[in-house]
Protein backbone atom coordinates (compact mmCIF):
# COMPACT_ATOMS: atom_id res chain seq x y z
CA MET A 1 -32.95 -16.15 9.71
CA GLY A 2 -33.40 -12.44 10.16
CA ALA A 3 -32.52 -9.68 7.75
CA PHE A 4 -29.32 -8.89 9.65
CA LYS A 5 -26.69 -11.48 10.45
CA GLU A 6 -24.30 -11.40 13.37
CA SER A 7 -20.96 -9.88 12.40
CA HIS A 8 -17.98 -12.15 11.91
CA GLY A 9 -16.10 -12.11 15.17
CA GLY A 10 -19.16 -11.21 17.24
CA GLU A 11 -19.23 -7.44 17.57
CA LEU A 12 -19.00 -4.48 15.20
CA ARG A 13 -16.85 -1.69 16.56
CA ASP A 14 -16.58 1.92 15.50
CA ARG A 15 -12.87 2.37 14.70
CA TYR A 16 -13.07 6.10 14.03
CA LEU A 17 -11.82 8.57 16.60
CA ASP A 18 -13.78 11.61 17.57
CA PRO A 19 -12.02 14.89 16.61
CA THR A 20 -10.56 15.43 20.10
CA ALA A 21 -9.09 11.92 20.30
CA ALA A 22 -7.82 12.18 16.72
CA GLU A 23 -5.96 15.38 17.55
CA ALA A 24 -4.46 13.78 20.67
CA GLU A 25 -3.21 10.86 18.55
CA LYS A 26 -1.67 13.26 16.02
CA GLN A 27 0.18 15.04 18.82
CA ALA A 28 1.42 11.73 20.26
CA ALA A 29 2.58 10.57 16.81
CA ARG A 30 5.09 13.41 16.68
CA ASP A 31 7.15 11.57 19.30
CA TYR A 32 7.18 8.22 17.47
CA ALA A 33 10.53 6.95 16.23
CA SER A 34 11.07 7.69 12.54
CA TRP A 35 13.75 7.82 9.88
CA ASP A 36 14.11 9.10 6.35
CA LEU A 37 14.75 6.67 3.51
CA ALA A 38 16.09 7.45 0.05
CA LYS A 39 13.83 6.51 -2.88
CA CYS A 40 15.96 3.47 -3.70
CA GLN A 41 15.71 2.29 -0.09
CA LEU A 42 11.91 2.52 -0.23
CA CYS A 43 11.92 0.36 -3.35
CA ASP A 44 14.07 -2.24 -1.59
CA ILE A 45 11.51 -2.58 1.17
CA TRP A 46 8.67 -3.52 -1.18
CA THR A 47 10.51 -5.62 -3.79
CA PRO A 48 9.66 -9.32 -3.39
CA ASP A 49 12.53 -11.79 -3.74
CA ASN A 50 10.89 -13.66 -6.60
CA ALA A 51 9.43 -10.76 -8.58
CA GLU A 52 8.80 -11.51 -12.25
CA MET A 53 9.50 -7.87 -13.02
CA VAL A 54 10.97 -4.90 -11.17
CA ILE A 55 10.35 -1.33 -12.34
CA ASP A 56 12.70 1.34 -11.03
CA SER A 57 10.36 4.30 -11.25
CA VAL A 58 12.98 6.74 -9.96
CA ASP A 59 14.67 7.07 -13.33
CA ILE A 60 11.78 6.57 -15.78
CA SER A 61 8.46 8.28 -16.44
CA PRO A 62 5.16 6.78 -15.33
CA ASP A 63 4.21 6.32 -18.99
CA LEU A 64 7.36 4.34 -19.74
CA ALA A 65 6.89 2.25 -16.58
CA ALA A 66 3.31 1.46 -17.64
CA HIS A 67 4.49 0.58 -21.15
CA ARG A 68 7.08 -1.85 -19.75
CA ILE A 69 4.49 -3.48 -17.48
CA LEU A 70 2.04 -3.93 -20.35
CA ALA A 71 4.78 -5.34 -22.60
CA LYS A 72 5.76 -7.86 -19.91
CA LEU A 73 2.14 -8.91 -19.38
CA GLN A 74 1.75 -9.37 -23.15
CA SER A 75 4.93 -11.47 -23.35
CA MET A 76 3.60 -13.65 -20.52
CA GLY A 77 0.28 -14.12 -22.35
CA VAL A 78 -1.71 -12.47 -19.58
CA ILE A 79 -3.09 -9.79 -21.92
CA ARG A 80 -3.19 -9.35 -25.70
């Protein structure tokens, strides 16, 4: 076995665009379909159906949200 192994999938590809191609993609992206969502709609997208805890961070501070998360983890016995 050599020092370098074959990549999983067979071939490594450079996924970065050169500056000219990147700018062309940015220009094209301006024509993509889009819509604006309210903060509560964004939360609905990412909330799993069986979440053990849901934090509505729109109406509380990050510190209070963190406190509630830590308290829940403590009550579940995950942390002390």
